[in-house]
N, C-alpha and C. Protein backbone atom coordinates (compact mmCIF):
# COMPACT_ATOMS: atom_id res chain seq x y z
N UNK A 1 52.82 126.13 223.64
CA UNK A 1 51.55 126.08 224.64
C UNK A 1 51.52 127.41 225.42
N UNK A 2 49.72 127.86 225.06
CA UNK A 2 50.05 129.49 225.62
C UNK A 2 49.01 129.04 226.44
N UNK A 3 48.80 129.97 227.63
CA UNK A 3 48.12 130.09 228.44
C UNK A 3 47.23 131.26 229.06
N UNK A 4 46.12 131.17 228.30
CA UNK A 4 45.50 132.74 228.50
C UNK A 4 45.19 132.93 230.30
N UNK A 5 45.40 133.74 231.17
CA UNK A 5 45.13 133.65 232.72
C UNK A 5 43.89 134.59 232.34
N UNK A 6 43.13 134.15 233.65
CA UNK A 6 42.10 135.64 234.36
C UNK A 6 42.65 136.59 234.96
N UNK A 7 41.61 137.30 234.49
CA UNK A 7 42.21 138.59 235.25
C UNK A 7 42.66 138.75 236.15
N UNK A 8 43.61 140.07 236.57
CA UNK A 8 43.84 140.42 237.58
C UNK A 8 44.61 141.30 237.85
N UNK A 9 45.08 141.98 238.76
CA UNK A 9 45.32 143.48 239.18
C UNK A 9 47.11 143.68 238.30
N UNK A 10 47.11 144.99 238.17
CA UNK A 10 48.68 144.93 238.03
C UNK A 10 49.78 144.97 238.89
N UNK A 11 50.89 144.72 238.56
CA UNK A 11 51.64 145.30 239.58
C UNK A 11 52.46 144.09 239.68
N UNK A 12 53.48 143.64 240.79
CA UNK A 12 54.45 142.66 240.81
C UNK A 12 54.04 141.54 241.27
N UNK A 13 54.84 140.26 240.75
CA UNK A 13 53.97 138.88 241.27
C UNK A 13 55.30 137.98 240.46
N UNK A 14 55.70 137.26 241.90
CA UNK A 14 56.53 136.16 242.11
C UNK A 14 55.70 134.86 241.02
N UNK A 15 56.29 134.08 240.30
CA UNK A 15 55.37 133.22 239.38
C UNK A 15 56.14 132.16 240.03
N UNK A 16 55.16 130.84 240.38
CA UNK A 16 55.68 129.88 240.52
C UNK A 16 55.13 128.80 239.70
N UNK A 17 55.72 127.34 239.29
CA UNK A 17 55.60 126.60 238.56
C UNK A 17 55.67 125.58 239.15
N UNK A 18 54.15 124.85 239.19
CA UNK A 18 53.99 123.91 239.47
C UNK A 18 53.98 122.09 239.00
N UNK A 19 54.83 121.15 239.06
CA UNK A 19 54.70 120.47 237.70
C UNK A 19 54.34 119.22 237.89
N UNK A 20 54.43 118.37 236.83
CA UNK A 20 54.89 116.47 237.55
C UNK A 20 55.17 115.97 235.77
N UNK A 21 56.19 114.96 236.03
CA UNK A 21 56.92 114.68 235.20
C UNK A 21 57.78 113.03 235.69
N UNK A 22 57.52 112.28 234.50
CA UNK A 22 57.74 110.93 235.15
C UNK A 22 59.97 110.95 234.80
N UNK A 23 60.44 110.39 235.57
CA UNK A 23 61.52 109.92 235.71
C UNK A 23 62.39 109.84 234.05
N UNK A 24 63.44 110.25 233.76
CA UNK A 24 64.13 109.75 233.01
C UNK A 24 63.17 111.02 231.22
N UNK A 25 62.38 111.01 231.60
CA UNK A 25 61.28 112.32 230.73
C UNK A 25 61.94 113.51 230.35
N UNK A 26 63.23 114.08 230.62
CA UNK A 26 63.25 115.68 230.70
C UNK A 26 62.94 116.53 229.86
N UNK A 27 62.22 117.88 230.21
CA UNK A 27 61.74 118.51 229.18
C UNK A 27 62.15 119.66 229.78
N UNK A 28 62.83 120.73 228.57
CA UNK A 28 63.14 122.27 229.26
C UNK A 28 62.60 123.04 227.67
N UNK A 29 62.07 123.86 228.75
CA UNK A 29 61.17 124.84 228.09
C UNK A 29 61.78 126.22 228.61
N UNK A 30 61.26 127.36 227.58
CA UNK A 30 61.43 129.03 227.93
C UNK A 30 59.82 129.18 228.02
N UNK A 31 60.02 130.29 229.70
CA UNK A 31 58.72 130.68 230.10
C UNK A 31 58.44 132.27 228.99
N UNK A 32 57.72 132.75 229.08
CA UNK A 32 57.30 134.02 228.14
C UNK A 32 55.59 134.10 228.83
N UNK A 33 55.93 135.98 229.38
CA UNK A 33 54.82 136.36 229.71
C UNK A 33 54.36 137.24 229.09
N UNK A 34 52.95 137.83 228.52
CA UNK A 34 52.92 138.58 227.32
C UNK A 34 54.38 138.81 226.87
N UNK A 35 54.33 137.79 226.14
CA UNK A 35 55.77 138.18 224.93
C UNK A 35 57.02 138.05 225.18
N UNK A 36 57.19 138.58 226.59
CA UNK A 36 58.18 138.87 227.43
C UNK A 36 58.81 137.48 227.53
N UNK A 37 60.19 137.13 227.37
CA UNK A 37 60.83 136.14 227.90
C UNK A 37 61.01 136.34 229.31
N UNK A 38 60.17 135.50 230.30
CA UNK A 38 60.79 135.98 232.24
C UNK A 38 62.06 134.46 232.86
N UNK A 39 61.74 133.81 231.73
CA UNK A 39 62.67 132.38 232.61
C UNK A 39 63.35 131.70 231.70
N UNK A 40 64.55 131.35 230.82
CA UNK A 40 65.07 130.41 230.21
C UNK A 40 65.43 129.49 230.86
N UNK A 41 65.10 127.85 230.08
CA UNK A 41 65.72 126.83 230.20
C UNK A 41 65.02 126.12 231.60
N UNK A 42 63.85 126.01 231.49
CA UNK A 42 63.21 125.57 233.07
C UNK A 42 63.49 123.98 232.74
N UNK A 43 64.46 123.42 233.75
CA UNK A 43 63.85 122.20 233.18
C UNK A 43 63.16 120.95 234.16
N UNK A 44 62.20 120.32 233.48
CA UNK A 44 61.40 119.82 234.46
C UNK A 44 62.19 117.83 234.32
N UNK A 45 62.88 117.35 235.33
CA UNK A 45 62.85 115.77 235.23
C UNK A 45 63.66 116.03 237.04
N UNK A 46 62.17 115.01 236.88
CA UNK A 46 61.97 114.01 238.88
C UNK A 46 61.61 113.46 238.40
N UNK A 47 61.57 112.62 239.20
CA UNK A 47 61.10 111.38 239.84
C UNK A 47 59.71 110.77 239.19
N UNK A 48 59.62 109.57 238.95
CA UNK A 48 58.42 108.96 238.47
C UNK A 48 57.21 109.51 239.30
N UNK A 49 56.52 110.38 238.51
CA UNK A 49 55.25 111.20 238.59
C UNK A 49 55.49 111.77 239.86
N UNK A 50 56.43 112.35 240.19
CA UNK A 50 56.37 113.33 241.29
C UNK A 50 56.17 115.10 241.10
N UNK A 51 55.55 115.27 242.25
CA UNK A 51 55.61 117.59 241.98
C UNK A 51 56.71 117.44 241.68
N UNK A 52 56.76 118.99 241.10
CA UNK A 52 57.82 119.34 241.36
C UNK A 52 57.31 120.78 241.41
N UNK A 53 58.01 122.10 241.97
CA UNK A 53 57.88 123.60 242.18
C UNK A 53 59.13 124.68 241.84
N UNK A 54 58.99 124.91 240.81
CA UNK A 54 59.57 126.05 240.29
C UNK A 54 59.70 127.50 240.55
N UNK A 55 60.55 128.07 241.01
CA UNK A 55 60.46 129.42 241.09
C UNK A 55 60.90 129.97 239.95
N UNK A 56 59.93 130.95 238.95
CA UNK A 56 60.33 131.84 238.04
C UNK A 56 60.88 133.23 237.77
N UNK A 57 60.63 133.68 239.66
CA UNK A 57 60.98 134.83 239.94
C UNK A 57 60.26 135.71 239.42
N UNK A 58 60.43 137.13 239.55
CA UNK A 58 59.57 138.14 239.87
C UNK A 58 59.37 138.90 238.41
N UNK A 59 58.54 139.12 238.07
CA UNK A 59 57.81 140.01 236.64
C UNK A 59 56.91 141.15 236.98
N UNK A 60 56.42 141.86 236.12
CA UNK A 60 55.97 143.14 236.03
C UNK A 60 54.37 142.53 234.89
N UNK A 61 53.53 143.25 235.66
CA UNK A 61 51.86 143.14 234.91
C UNK A 61 51.63 144.61 235.03
N UNK A 62 51.49 145.09 233.53
CA UNK A 62 50.78 146.63 233.53
C UNK A 62 49.59 145.96 233.06
N UNK A 63 48.61 145.27 232.74
CA UNK A 63 47.47 145.16 232.65
C UNK A 63 46.71 143.91 233.56
N UNK A 64 45.41 144.58 233.11
CA UNK A 64 44.43 143.78 234.31
C UNK A 64 44.30 142.49 233.58
N UNK A 65 43.84 142.78 232.21
CA UNK A 65 43.27 141.50 231.33
C UNK A 65 44.01 141.40 230.01
N UNK A 66 44.08 139.93 229.46
CA UNK A 66 44.67 139.11 228.60
C UNK A 66 45.84 139.14 228.39
N UNK A 67 46.12 138.60 229.55
CA UNK A 67 47.57 138.13 230.26
C UNK A 67 47.45 137.06 229.69
N UNK A 68 48.99 136.25 229.24
CA UNK A 68 49.26 135.23 228.39
C UNK A 68 50.82 134.72 228.89
N UNK A 69 50.65 133.34 229.34
CA UNK A 69 52.09 133.02 230.13
C UNK A 69 52.13 131.74 228.56
N UNK A 70 53.27 131.69 227.64
CA UNK A 70 53.76 130.92 226.98
C UNK A 70 55.01 130.49 227.32
N UNK A 71 54.74 129.03 227.15
CA UNK A 71 55.51 127.85 227.45
C UNK A 71 56.37 127.45 226.46
N UNK A 72 57.61 127.85 225.43
CA UNK A 72 57.87 126.93 224.34
C UNK A 72 59.27 126.35 224.73
N UNK A 73 58.69 125.50 224.08
CA UNK A 73 60.13 124.14 224.07
C UNK A 73 61.56 124.21 223.52
N UNK A 74 62.19 124.27 224.29
CA UNK A 74 63.42 124.29 223.45
C UNK A 74 64.10 123.03 223.47
N UNK A 75 64.44 122.25 221.78
CA UNK A 75 65.15 121.32 221.83
C UNK A 75 63.91 120.13 221.48
N UNK A 76 64.24 119.20 221.54
CA UNK A 76 63.32 118.01 221.11
C UNK A 76 64.15 117.15 222.22
N UNK A 77 62.83 115.79 222.54
CA UNK A 77 63.30 114.91 223.68
C UNK A 77 61.97 113.72 223.00
N UNK A 78 62.93 112.86 222.52
CA UNK A 78 62.19 111.66 222.14
C UNK A 78 61.82 110.80 222.81
N UNK A 79 62.11 111.40 224.07
CA UNK A 79 61.79 110.12 224.98
C UNK A 79 60.39 110.54 225.84
N UNK A 80 59.97 111.75 225.56
CA UNK A 80 59.00 112.52 226.27
C UNK A 80 58.11 112.01 225.90
N UNK A 81 57.17 111.58 226.97
CA UNK A 81 56.24 110.14 226.99
C UNK A 81 54.44 111.00 228.25
N UNK A 82 55.21 111.45 229.38
CA UNK A 82 53.53 111.97 230.09
C UNK A 82 54.95 112.82 231.36
N UNK A 83 53.96 114.46 231.26
CA UNK A 83 54.30 115.41 231.92
C UNK A 83 53.23 116.27 232.28
N UNK A 84 52.95 116.58 233.41
CA UNK A 84 51.44 117.32 233.70
C UNK A 84 51.31 118.87 234.41
N UNK A 85 51.28 119.66 233.78
CA UNK A 85 51.56 121.36 233.91
C UNK A 85 50.46 121.55 234.88
N UNK A 86 50.43 121.61 236.29
CA UNK A 86 49.54 121.09 237.32
C UNK A 86 48.82 122.54 237.70
N UNK A 87 49.52 124.09 238.04
CA UNK A 87 49.14 125.40 238.28
C UNK A 87 50.44 126.40 237.95
N UNK A 88 50.07 127.82 238.32
CA UNK A 88 50.66 128.65 238.23
C UNK A 88 50.57 129.22 239.32
N UNK A 89 51.24 129.70 240.21
CA UNK A 89 50.86 130.61 241.51
C UNK A 89 51.64 131.90 241.19
N UNK A 90 50.71 132.74 241.13
CA UNK A 90 50.68 134.34 241.22
C UNK A 90 51.18 134.65 242.59
N UNK A 91 51.84 135.30 243.69
CA UNK A 91 52.30 136.17 244.31
C UNK A 91 52.75 137.03 244.70
N UNK A 92 51.75 138.42 245.21
CA UNK A 92 52.23 139.66 244.77
C UNK A 92 53.16 139.99 245.72
N UNK A 93 54.15 140.90 244.97
CA UNK A 93 55.42 140.81 245.95
C UNK A 93 55.26 142.42 246.90
N UNK A 94 54.35 143.01 246.58
CA UNK A 94 53.88 144.87 247.23
C UNK A 94 52.60 144.19 247.43
């Protein structure tokens, strides 16, 4: 899944993902920013429809527009039924 981001200033950002998923419906994925891997094997596996925060770490952006976050599913999960990506939070480091 590709997520096209609004324009923002180049610099260093801490990226936080907020998502919700059903219990026992674990899902694992890698996160890419502009085709560069920034976090491997992020696992969503929480209580029944509870929100979880995942600190994806600090990354650098050198462009103001055209930024894309890509979530790549790692493996398969036949019981995955319900999950929601709520938001990405970009916190400037400097």
